């Protein structure tokens, strides 16, 4: 599909549709102009279905943002500001909620989320010291995909958790010097929670 479209997928994920074909299915999403092409494959990567839809504003904004990466003024002196935000990682609150009986959470997924969030902060710190806007955007994609995977297992990211994560990711990115518009959600391109 990528060869025919002339572009690789911007998202590859396991699919929950097409259950009649196999237990393992995959979605690959591609952008072509102002359209999104979603290709669904079975476990053997045989093409099962193709869907076309117009790209939404969030996706188009993400493409414009990617094109503007060189314009960001990453500030190497802000590494300490990025590090200070590690204290806003929400997993301690999630653990307290779990102890208080909230069945939404479990220790294994909290630990995975905490490790991913700490790795995100570490990556943004390193990218900040190197003035690498592209690495910061890649770190955002990585953390969002990691949280997508955790949430896909148990649905533990609800409104409060989504707000906590969005606020943290936004603050870490802004602390680096990466400029975002006030209404911009840097996670929207990949976020499923």
N, C-alpha and C. Protein backbone atom coordinates (compact mmCIF):
# COMPACT_ATOMS: atom_id res chain seq x y z
N UNK A 1 0.82 -1.18 0.00
CA UNK A 1 0.00 0.00 0.00
C UNK A 1 0.88 1.25 0.00
N UNK A 2 1.90 1.26 0.85
CA UNK A 2 2.78 2.42 0.93
C UNK A 2 3.43 2.71 -0.42
N UNK A 3 3.80 1.66 -1.13
CA UNK A 3 4.42 1.84 -2.44
C UNK A 3 3.43 2.46 -3.43
N UNK A 4 2.21 1.99 -3.42
CA UNK A 4 1.19 2.52 -4.33
C UNK A 4 0.86 3.97 -4.01
N UNK A 5 0.81 4.30 -2.71
CA UNK A 5 0.46 5.66 -2.30
C UNK A 5 1.65 6.62 -2.37
N UNK A 6 2.85 6.06 -2.38
CA UNK A 6 4.04 6.89 -2.42
C UNK A 6 4.38 7.53 -1.08
N UNK A 7 3.85 6.97 0.00
CA UNK A 7 4.12 7.49 1.34
C UNK A 7 3.95 6.39 2.37
N UNK A 8 4.82 6.38 3.35
CA UNK A 8 4.72 5.41 4.42
C UNK A 8 3.60 5.77 5.38
N UNK A 9 3.19 4.83 6.22
CA UNK A 9 2.12 5.12 7.17
C UNK A 9 2.59 6.07 8.27
N UNK A 10 1.70 6.95 8.72
CA UNK A 10 2.03 7.81 9.85
C UNK A 10 1.61 7.13 11.14
N UNK A 11 0.77 6.09 11.04
CA UNK A 11 0.36 5.35 12.23
C UNK A 11 0.17 3.89 11.85
N UNK A 12 0.71 3.00 12.70
CA UNK A 12 0.48 1.57 12.55
C UNK A 12 -0.04 1.08 13.88
N UNK A 13 -1.18 0.40 13.87
CA UNK A 13 -1.78 -0.04 15.13
C UNK A 13 -2.47 -1.37 14.93
N UNK A 14 -2.72 -2.04 16.05
CA UNK A 14 -3.55 -3.24 16.00
C UNK A 14 -4.99 -2.79 15.87
N UNK A 15 -5.77 -3.57 15.18
CA UNK A 15 -7.14 -3.20 14.88
C UNK A 15 -8.12 -4.03 15.70
N UNK A 16 -9.26 -3.45 15.99
CA UNK A 16 -10.30 -4.19 16.70
C UNK A 16 -11.46 -4.52 15.76
N UNK A 17 -11.30 -4.23 14.49
CA UNK A 17 -12.36 -4.53 13.53
C UNK A 17 -11.95 -5.70 12.66
N UNK A 18 -12.81 -6.11 11.77
CA UNK A 18 -12.61 -7.26 10.89
C UNK A 18 -12.40 -8.56 11.67
N UNK A 19 -13.23 -8.82 12.71
CA UNK A 19 -13.01 -10.02 13.54
C UNK A 19 -13.18 -11.33 12.80
N UNK A 20 -13.91 -11.32 11.66
CA UNK A 20 -14.13 -12.57 10.94
C UNK A 20 -12.88 -13.09 10.25
N UNK A 21 -11.83 -12.27 10.15
CA UNK A 21 -10.65 -12.69 9.40
C UNK A 21 -9.57 -13.32 10.26
N UNK A 22 -9.23 -12.73 11.38
CA UNK A 22 -8.20 -13.32 12.22
C UNK A 22 -8.18 -12.60 13.55
N UNK A 23 -7.55 -13.20 14.53
CA UNK A 23 -7.46 -12.59 15.85
C UNK A 23 -6.49 -11.41 15.84
N UNK A 24 -5.54 -11.44 14.95
CA UNK A 24 -4.57 -10.35 14.84
C UNK A 24 -4.80 -9.60 13.56
N UNK A 25 -5.08 -8.28 13.72
CA UNK A 25 -5.31 -7.44 12.57
C UNK A 25 -4.51 -6.16 12.76
N UNK A 26 -4.24 -5.48 11.67
CA UNK A 26 -3.43 -4.29 11.75
C UNK A 26 -4.03 -3.18 10.89
N UNK A 27 -3.92 -1.95 11.38
CA UNK A 27 -4.33 -0.77 10.63
C UNK A 27 -3.08 0.03 10.30
N UNK A 28 -2.96 0.46 9.08
CA UNK A 28 -1.90 1.39 8.68
C UNK A 28 -2.60 2.61 8.10
N UNK A 29 -2.32 3.78 8.65
CA UNK A 29 -2.93 5.02 8.18
C UNK A 29 -1.90 5.84 7.43
N UNK A 30 -2.28 6.31 6.25
CA UNK A 30 -1.41 7.10 5.38
C UNK A 30 -2.11 8.43 5.08
N UNK A 31 -1.33 9.47 4.83
CA UNK A 31 -1.92 10.71 4.34
C UNK A 31 -1.47 10.91 2.90
N UNK A 32 -2.42 11.29 2.08
CA UNK A 32 -2.17 11.60 0.68
C UNK A 32 -2.92 12.90 0.39
N UNK A 33 -2.17 13.97 0.22
CA UNK A 33 -2.81 15.27 0.04
C UNK A 33 -3.62 15.61 1.27
N UNK A 34 -4.90 15.90 1.08
CA UNK A 34 -5.79 16.20 2.20
C UNK A 34 -6.67 15.01 2.56
N UNK A 35 -6.24 13.81 2.21
CA UNK A 35 -7.00 12.60 2.49
C UNK A 35 -6.21 11.67 3.41
N UNK A 36 -6.94 10.85 4.16
CA UNK A 36 -6.35 9.80 4.97
C UNK A 36 -6.79 8.47 4.36
N UNK A 37 -5.85 7.58 4.16
CA UNK A 37 -6.12 6.25 3.65
C UNK A 37 -5.80 5.28 4.78
N UNK A 38 -6.82 4.53 5.22
CA UNK A 38 -6.62 3.53 6.28
C UNK A 38 -6.70 2.16 5.63
N UNK A 39 -5.61 1.42 5.72
CA UNK A 39 -5.54 0.07 5.16
C UNK A 39 -5.58 -0.93 6.31
N UNK A 40 -6.48 -1.90 6.23
CA UNK A 40 -6.60 -2.93 7.26
C UNK A 40 -6.05 -4.24 6.70
N UNK A 41 -5.18 -4.86 7.50
CA UNK A 41 -4.51 -6.10 7.10
C UNK A 41 -4.82 -7.20 8.10
N UNK A 42 -4.77 -8.45 7.63
CA UNK A 42 -4.91 -9.58 8.55
C UNK A 42 -3.55 -9.91 9.15
N UNK A 43 -3.48 -10.99 9.92
CA UNK A 43 -2.24 -11.36 10.61
C UNK A 43 -1.09 -11.64 9.64
N UNK A 44 -1.41 -12.05 8.42
CA UNK A 44 -0.38 -12.32 7.41
C UNK A 44 -0.09 -11.10 6.55
N UNK A 45 -0.59 -9.94 6.98
CA UNK A 45 -0.44 -8.67 6.28
C UNK A 45 -1.03 -8.70 4.86
N UNK A 46 -2.11 -9.46 4.71
CA UNK A 46 -2.88 -9.43 3.47
C UNK A 46 -3.90 -8.30 3.61
N UNK A 47 -4.00 -7.48 2.58
CA UNK A 47 -4.92 -6.36 2.60
C UNK A 47 -6.36 -6.86 2.64
N UNK A 48 -7.12 -6.38 3.63
CA UNK A 48 -8.50 -6.81 3.81
C UNK A 48 -9.51 -5.71 3.47
N UNK A 49 -9.14 -4.45 3.75
CA UNK A 49 -10.08 -3.35 3.50
C UNK A 49 -9.29 -2.05 3.39
N UNK A 50 -9.86 -1.09 2.65
CA UNK A 50 -9.27 0.23 2.52
C UNK A 50 -10.39 1.25 2.73
N UNK A 51 -10.11 2.24 3.57
CA UNK A 51 -11.07 3.31 3.84
C UNK A 51 -10.43 4.64 3.49
N UNK A 52 -11.22 5.52 2.89
CA UNK A 52 -10.76 6.87 2.55
C UNK A 52 -11.59 7.87 3.34
N UNK A 53 -10.92 8.91 3.83
CA UNK A 53 -11.63 9.97 4.52
C UNK A 53 -10.82 11.26 4.43
N UNK A 54 -11.49 12.39 4.50
CA UNK A 54 -10.74 13.65 4.48
C UNK A 54 -9.93 13.80 5.76
N UNK A 55 -8.74 14.37 5.65
CA UNK A 55 -7.92 14.63 6.84
C UNK A 55 -8.62 15.69 7.67
N UNK A 56 -8.61 15.52 8.99
CA UNK A 56 -9.23 16.54 9.84
C UNK A 56 -8.28 17.69 10.10
N UNK A 57 -8.77 18.74 10.69
CA UNK A 57 -7.95 19.94 10.95
C UNK A 57 -6.74 19.63 11.82
N UNK A 58 -6.91 18.73 12.79
CA UNK A 58 -5.81 18.39 13.68
C UNK A 58 -4.65 17.78 12.90
N UNK A 59 -4.98 16.88 11.99
CA UNK A 59 -3.95 16.22 11.20
C UNK A 59 -3.25 17.22 10.28
N UNK A 60 -4.04 18.09 9.63
CA UNK A 60 -3.44 19.08 8.75
C UNK A 60 -2.56 20.04 9.53
N UNK A 61 -2.99 20.41 10.74
CA UNK A 61 -2.18 21.29 11.59
C UNK A 61 -0.88 20.57 11.98
N UNK A 62 -0.97 19.26 12.27
CA UNK A 62 0.23 18.50 12.61
C UNK A 62 1.23 18.47 11.47
N UNK A 63 0.73 18.36 10.23
CA UNK A 63 1.64 18.38 9.08
C UNK A 63 2.29 19.74 8.93
N UNK A 64 1.51 20.81 9.17
CA UNK A 64 2.10 22.15 9.10
C UNK A 64 3.14 22.33 10.21
N UNK A 65 2.82 21.78 11.39
CA UNK A 65 3.76 21.92 12.51
C UNK A 65 5.07 21.19 12.20
N UNK A 66 4.98 20.02 11.62
CA UNK A 66 6.18 19.26 11.26
C UNK A 66 7.04 20.06 10.28
N UNK A 67 6.38 20.74 9.35
CA UNK A 67 7.11 21.55 8.37
C UNK A 67 7.79 22.74 9.03
N UNK A 68 7.24 23.18 10.17
CA UNK A 68 7.81 24.36 10.84
C UNK A 68 8.81 24.00 11.94
N UNK A 69 9.19 22.75 12.06
CA UNK A 69 10.12 22.34 13.13
C UNK A 69 11.39 23.18 13.20
N UNK A 70 12.01 23.52 12.09
CA UNK A 70 13.25 24.30 12.20
C UNK A 70 13.06 25.69 12.83
N UNK A 71 11.82 26.19 12.88
CA UNK A 71 11.56 27.52 13.40
C UNK A 71 11.50 27.58 14.93
N UNK A 72 11.42 26.45 15.60
CA UNK A 72 11.33 26.44 17.06
C UNK A 72 12.66 26.86 17.68
N UNK A 73 12.57 27.66 18.72
CA UNK A 73 13.77 28.15 19.39
C UNK A 73 14.00 27.35 20.68
N UNK A 74 14.57 26.19 20.52
CA UNK A 74 14.85 25.33 21.66
C UNK A 74 15.96 25.98 22.47
N UNK A 75 15.78 26.04 23.79
CA UNK A 75 16.69 26.75 24.68
C UNK A 75 17.49 25.76 25.55
N UNK A 76 18.75 25.49 25.22
CA UNK A 76 19.55 24.54 26.00
C UNK A 76 19.60 24.88 27.49
N UNK A 77 19.49 26.16 27.83
CA UNK A 77 19.51 26.55 29.23
C UNK A 77 18.26 26.17 29.99
N UNK A 78 17.25 25.61 29.30
CA UNK A 78 15.99 25.24 29.94
C UNK A 78 15.95 23.79 30.41
N UNK A 79 17.06 23.09 30.35
CA UNK A 79 17.09 21.68 30.76
C UNK A 79 16.58 21.52 32.20
N UNK A 80 16.96 22.44 33.09
CA UNK A 80 16.50 22.35 34.47
C UNK A 80 15.00 22.56 34.58
N UNK A 81 14.42 23.42 33.74
CA UNK A 81 12.97 23.63 33.73
C UNK A 81 12.25 22.34 33.31
N UNK A 82 12.81 21.68 32.32
CA UNK A 82 12.22 20.41 31.87
C UNK A 82 12.30 19.39 33.01
N UNK A 83 13.46 19.27 33.63
CA UNK A 83 13.64 18.31 34.73
C UNK A 83 12.68 18.59 35.89
N UNK A 84 12.45 19.86 36.19
CA UNK A 84 11.56 20.22 37.31
C UNK A 84 10.15 19.68 37.11
N UNK A 85 9.76 19.50 35.87
CA UNK A 85 8.40 19.01 35.58
C UNK A 85 8.24 17.52 35.84
N UNK A 86 9.32 16.81 36.07
CA UNK A 86 9.24 15.37 36.41
C UNK A 86 8.35 15.19 37.64
N UNK A 87 8.36 16.18 38.53
CA UNK A 87 7.54 16.12 39.74
C UNK A 87 6.04 16.17 39.45
N UNK A 88 5.64 16.49 38.23
CA UNK A 88 4.22 16.54 37.87
C UNK A 88 3.72 15.25 37.22
N UNK A 89 4.58 14.24 37.13
CA UNK A 89 4.14 12.95 36.59
C UNK A 89 3.01 12.45 37.48
N UNK A 90 1.84 12.10 36.91
CA UNK A 90 0.64 11.81 37.71
C UNK A 90 0.56 10.43 38.34
N UNK A 91 1.54 9.57 38.14
CA UNK A 91 1.42 8.20 38.63
C UNK A 91 1.32 8.08 40.15
N UNK A 92 1.91 8.98 40.96
CA UNK A 92 1.67 8.85 42.42
C UNK A 92 0.18 9.00 42.77
N UNK A 93 -0.53 9.91 42.09
CA UNK A 93 -1.96 10.05 42.35
C UNK A 93 -2.70 8.80 41.91
N UNK A 94 -2.27 8.22 40.78
CA UNK A 94 -2.92 7.00 40.30
C UNK A 94 -2.75 5.87 41.32
N UNK A 95 -1.56 5.78 41.91
CA UNK A 95 -1.32 4.74 42.93
C UNK A 95 -2.20 4.98 44.17
N UNK A 96 -2.32 6.24 44.60
CA UNK A 96 -3.19 6.54 45.75
C UNK A 96 -4.63 6.14 45.45
N UNK A 97 -5.07 6.44 44.23
CA UNK A 97 -6.44 6.07 43.84
C UNK A 97 -6.61 4.55 43.85
N UNK A 98 -5.59 3.84 43.39
CA UNK A 98 -5.65 2.38 43.38
C UNK A 98 -5.75 1.85 44.81
N UNK A 99 -4.94 2.39 45.72
CA UNK A 99 -4.97 1.96 47.13
C UNK A 99 -6.34 2.24 47.75
N UNK A 100 -6.96 3.35 47.33
CA UNK A 100 -8.28 3.72 47.85
C UNK A 100 -9.40 2.91 47.23
N UNK A 101 -9.05 1.97 46.33
CA UNK A 101 -10.05 1.07 45.77
C UNK A 101 -10.48 1.35 44.35
N UNK A 102 -9.88 2.29 43.68
CA UNK A 102 -10.23 2.58 42.30
C UNK A 102 -9.73 1.43 41.42
N UNK A 103 -10.66 0.65 40.88
CA UNK A 103 -10.31 -0.53 40.09
C UNK A 103 -9.86 -0.19 38.67
N UNK A 104 -9.87 1.08 38.34
CA UNK A 104 -9.41 1.52 37.02
C UNK A 104 -7.92 1.25 36.85
N UNK A 105 -7.18 1.29 37.96
CA UNK A 105 -5.72 1.21 37.92
C UNK A 105 -5.21 -0.15 38.39
N UNK A 106 -4.02 -0.51 37.89
CA UNK A 106 -3.29 -1.66 38.40
C UNK A 106 -1.80 -1.30 38.39
N UNK A 107 -1.06 -1.90 39.29
CA UNK A 107 0.34 -1.53 39.49
C UNK A 107 1.19 -1.76 38.24
N UNK A 108 0.94 -2.84 37.53
CA UNK A 108 1.76 -3.13 36.34
C UNK A 108 1.65 -2.02 35.31
N UNK A 109 0.43 -1.59 35.00
CA UNK A 109 0.26 -0.54 33.99
C UNK A 109 0.73 0.82 34.50
N UNK A 110 0.55 1.08 35.78
CA UNK A 110 1.05 2.34 36.34
C UNK A 110 2.58 2.38 36.22
N UNK A 111 3.23 1.25 36.53
CA UNK A 111 4.70 1.20 36.44
C UNK A 111 5.18 1.41 35.01
N UNK A 112 4.49 0.81 34.04
CA UNK A 112 4.86 1.00 32.63
C UNK A 112 4.67 2.46 32.23
N UNK A 113 3.55 3.05 32.63
CA UNK A 113 3.29 4.47 32.31
C UNK A 113 4.34 5.36 32.96
N UNK A 114 4.69 5.08 34.20
CA UNK A 114 5.68 5.89 34.90
C UNK A 114 7.05 5.82 34.21
N UNK A 115 7.45 4.62 33.81
CA UNK A 115 8.73 4.46 33.11
C UNK A 115 8.70 5.21 31.78
N UNK A 116 7.59 5.13 31.05
CA UNK A 116 7.47 5.83 29.77
C UNK A 116 7.50 7.34 29.97
N UNK A 117 6.84 7.85 31.00
CA UNK A 117 6.82 9.29 31.26
C UNK A 117 8.20 9.79 31.69
N UNK A 118 8.91 9.01 32.49
CA UNK A 118 10.28 9.39 32.87
C UNK A 118 11.20 9.38 31.65
N UNK A 119 11.03 8.39 30.78
CA UNK A 119 11.83 8.34 29.54
C UNK A 119 11.52 9.54 28.65
N UNK A 120 10.24 9.95 28.62
CA UNK A 120 9.85 11.13 27.85
C UNK A 120 10.58 12.37 28.36
N UNK A 121 10.56 12.58 29.67
CA UNK A 121 11.25 13.74 30.25
C UNK A 121 12.74 13.67 29.94
N UNK A 122 13.34 12.49 30.09
CA UNK A 122 14.78 12.34 29.78
C UNK A 122 15.08 12.67 28.32
N UNK A 123 14.24 12.20 27.41
CA UNK A 123 14.46 12.45 25.99
C UNK A 123 14.32 13.93 25.66
N UNK A 124 13.31 14.58 26.23
CA UNK A 124 13.13 16.01 25.96
C UNK A 124 14.28 16.81 26.55
N UNK A 125 14.77 16.40 27.72
CA UNK A 125 15.95 17.08 28.29
C UNK A 125 17.14 16.99 27.34
N UNK A 126 17.42 15.78 26.86
CA UNK A 126 18.55 15.59 25.95
C UNK A 126 18.35 16.39 24.66
N UNK A 127 17.13 16.37 24.12
CA UNK A 127 16.84 17.11 22.90
C UNK A 127 16.94 18.62 23.13
N UNK A 128 16.57 19.06 24.32
CA UNK A 128 16.66 20.48 24.65
C UNK A 128 18.12 20.90 24.67
N UNK A 129 18.97 20.10 25.29
CA UNK A 129 20.39 20.47 25.35
C UNK A 129 21.03 20.48 23.96
N UNK A 130 20.45 19.72 23.02
CA UNK A 130 20.98 19.66 21.65
C UNK A 130 20.20 20.53 20.66
N UNK A 131 19.22 21.28 21.17
CA UNK A 131 18.36 22.14 20.33
C UNK A 131 17.71 21.36 19.19
N UNK A 132 17.17 20.19 19.50
CA UNK A 132 16.64 19.29 18.48
C UNK A 132 15.11 19.23 18.57
N UNK A 133 14.42 20.11 17.83
CA UNK A 133 12.96 20.15 17.84
C UNK A 133 12.35 18.86 17.31
N UNK A 134 13.00 18.27 16.32
CA UNK A 134 12.48 17.02 15.75
C UNK A 134 12.49 15.91 16.80
N UNK A 135 13.53 15.83 17.61
CA UNK A 135 13.60 14.81 18.67
C UNK A 135 12.53 15.05 19.73
N UNK A 136 12.21 16.31 19.99
CA UNK A 136 11.15 16.61 20.96
C UNK A 136 9.81 16.14 20.42
N UNK A 137 9.54 16.42 19.16
CA UNK A 137 8.28 15.96 18.57
C UNK A 137 8.23 14.43 18.53
N UNK A 138 9.35 13.78 18.24
CA UNK A 138 9.39 12.31 18.24
C UNK A 138 9.13 11.77 19.65
N UNK A 139 9.64 12.46 20.67
CA UNK A 139 9.40 12.04 22.06
C UNK A 139 7.93 12.14 22.41
N UNK A 140 7.26 13.17 21.91
CA UNK A 140 5.82 13.30 22.14
C UNK A 140 5.08 12.14 21.49
N UNK A 141 5.43 11.84 20.25
CA UNK A 141 4.78 10.72 19.56
C UNK A 141 5.00 9.43 20.34
N UNK A 142 6.23 9.19 20.81
CA UNK A 142 6.54 7.95 21.54
C UNK A 142 5.73 7.83 22.82
N UNK A 143 5.63 8.93 23.59
CA UNK A 143 4.89 8.83 24.85
C UNK A 143 3.40 8.65 24.59
N UNK A 144 2.88 9.33 23.58
CA UNK A 144 1.45 9.18 23.27
C UNK A 144 1.15 7.75 22.82
N UNK A 145 2.00 7.18 21.98
CA UNK A 145 1.78 5.79 21.53
C UNK A 145 1.91 4.81 22.69
N UNK A 146 2.83 5.08 23.62
CA UNK A 146 2.97 4.21 24.80
C UNK A 146 1.72 4.26 25.66
N UNK A 147 1.18 5.45 25.87
CA UNK A 147 -0.04 5.58 26.67
C UNK A 147 -1.23 4.98 25.91
N UNK A 148 -1.26 5.11 24.59
CA UNK A 148 -2.31 4.45 23.79
C UNK A 148 -2.31 2.95 24.07
N UNK A 149 -1.12 2.37 24.08
CA UNK A 149 -1.01 0.92 24.29
C UNK A 149 -1.50 0.53 25.68
N UNK A 150 -1.08 1.28 26.69
CA UNK A 150 -1.52 0.99 28.07
C UNK A 150 -3.04 1.13 28.16
N UNK A 151 -3.56 2.21 27.63
CA UNK A 151 -4.99 2.45 27.70
C UNK A 151 -5.77 1.40 26.90
N UNK A 152 -5.19 0.91 25.82
CA UNK A 152 -5.83 -0.13 25.02
C UNK A 152 -6.02 -1.42 25.79
N UNK A 153 -5.14 -1.67 26.76
CA UNK A 153 -5.25 -2.89 27.57
C UNK A 153 -6.36 -2.79 28.60
N UNK A 154 -6.52 -1.62 29.22
CA UNK A 154 -7.45 -1.57 30.35
C UNK A 154 -8.33 -0.33 30.42
N UNK A 155 -8.19 0.62 29.53
CA UNK A 155 -9.04 1.81 29.53
C UNK A 155 -8.87 2.70 30.75
N UNK A 156 -7.67 2.73 31.33
CA UNK A 156 -7.48 3.49 32.56
C UNK A 156 -7.33 4.99 32.36
N UNK A 157 -7.22 5.44 31.12
CA UNK A 157 -7.09 6.88 30.88
C UNK A 157 -8.48 7.44 30.62
N UNK A 158 -9.03 8.05 31.65
CA UNK A 158 -10.32 8.72 31.53
C UNK A 158 -10.07 10.23 31.53
N UNK A 159 -11.10 11.01 31.72
CA UNK A 159 -10.99 12.47 31.57
C UNK A 159 -9.91 13.08 32.44
N UNK A 160 -9.88 12.76 33.74
CA UNK A 160 -8.89 13.35 34.64
C UNK A 160 -7.47 12.95 34.22
N UNK A 161 -7.28 11.68 33.91
CA UNK A 161 -5.95 11.20 33.51
C UNK A 161 -5.52 11.83 32.19
N UNK A 162 -6.46 11.96 31.26
CA UNK A 162 -6.15 12.60 29.97
C UNK A 162 -5.70 14.04 30.21
N UNK A 163 -6.41 14.75 31.09
CA UNK A 163 -6.03 16.13 31.39
C UNK A 163 -4.66 16.21 32.06
N UNK A 164 -4.40 15.29 33.00
CA UNK A 164 -3.10 15.28 33.68
C UNK A 164 -1.97 15.04 32.67
N UNK A 165 -2.16 14.05 31.82
CA UNK A 165 -1.12 13.72 30.84
C UNK A 165 -0.94 14.83 29.82
N UNK A 166 -2.04 15.38 29.32
CA UNK A 166 -1.96 16.46 28.35
C UNK A 166 -1.26 17.68 28.92
N UNK A 167 -1.58 18.02 30.18
CA UNK A 167 -0.95 19.17 30.83
C UNK A 167 0.55 18.94 31.00
N UNK A 168 0.93 17.73 31.44
CA UNK A 168 2.34 17.41 31.64
C UNK A 168 3.10 17.46 30.32
N UNK A 169 2.59 16.80 29.30
CA UNK A 169 3.28 16.75 28.01
C UNK A 169 3.44 18.16 27.45
N UNK A 170 2.37 18.94 27.49
CA UNK A 170 2.42 20.31 27.00
C UNK A 170 3.46 21.13 27.76
N UNK A 171 3.47 21.02 29.11
CA UNK A 171 4.40 21.81 29.93
C UNK A 171 5.85 21.43 29.64
N UNK A 172 6.12 20.14 29.50
CA UNK A 172 7.49 19.68 29.22
C UNK A 172 7.95 20.21 27.86
N UNK A 173 7.08 20.12 26.86
CA UNK A 173 7.43 20.59 25.52
C UNK A 173 7.67 22.10 25.53
N UNK A 174 6.78 22.85 26.16
CA UNK A 174 6.94 24.31 26.22
C UNK A 174 8.19 24.71 27.02
N UNK A 175 8.50 23.96 28.07
CA UNK A 175 9.68 24.28 28.88
C UNK A 175 10.97 24.20 28.06
N UNK A 176 10.97 23.36 27.03
CA UNK A 176 12.16 23.22 26.18
C UNK A 176 12.39 24.44 25.30
N UNK A 177 11.34 25.24 25.11
CA UNK A 177 11.40 26.36 24.18
C UNK A 177 10.62 26.08 22.91
N UNK A 178 10.13 24.86 22.76
CA UNK A 178 9.30 24.47 21.61
C UNK A 178 8.03 25.30 21.68
N UNK A 179 7.75 26.09 20.64
CA UNK A 179 6.60 26.99 20.72
C UNK A 179 5.33 26.33 20.21
N UNK A 180 4.28 26.46 21.01
CA UNK A 180 2.96 25.94 20.66
C UNK A 180 1.97 27.08 20.75
N UNK A 181 0.96 27.06 19.90
CA UNK A 181 -0.12 28.03 20.01
C UNK A 181 -0.95 27.67 21.24
N UNK A 182 -1.65 28.66 21.79
CA UNK A 182 -2.42 28.43 23.01
C UNK A 182 -3.42 27.29 22.90
N UNK A 183 -4.06 27.14 21.76
CA UNK A 183 -5.09 26.11 21.60
C UNK A 183 -4.55 24.83 20.94
N UNK A 184 -3.25 24.72 20.81
CA UNK A 184 -2.65 23.60 20.09
C UNK A 184 -2.46 22.39 21.01
N UNK A 185 -2.88 21.24 20.54
CA UNK A 185 -2.70 19.98 21.26
C UNK A 185 -1.67 19.18 20.49
N UNK A 186 -0.45 19.15 20.99
CA UNK A 186 0.64 18.47 20.28
C UNK A 186 0.45 16.96 20.25
N UNK A 187 -0.41 16.43 21.11
CA UNK A 187 -0.64 14.98 21.17
C UNK A 187 -1.72 14.51 20.20
N UNK A 188 -2.53 15.41 19.67
CA UNK A 188 -3.75 15.04 18.94
C UNK A 188 -3.50 14.16 17.73
N UNK A 189 -2.38 14.32 17.07
CA UNK A 189 -2.11 13.55 15.86
C UNK A 189 -2.04 12.05 16.12
N UNK A 190 -1.60 11.65 17.33
CA UNK A 190 -1.42 10.22 17.62
C UNK A 190 -2.32 9.72 18.76
N UNK A 191 -2.91 10.60 19.52
CA UNK A 191 -3.62 10.22 20.76
C UNK A 191 -4.94 9.50 20.47
N UNK A 192 -5.14 8.40 21.19
CA UNK A 192 -6.38 7.64 21.12
C UNK A 192 -7.10 7.63 22.47
N UNK A 193 -6.63 8.42 23.43
CA UNK A 193 -7.26 8.45 24.76
C UNK A 193 -7.83 9.81 25.04
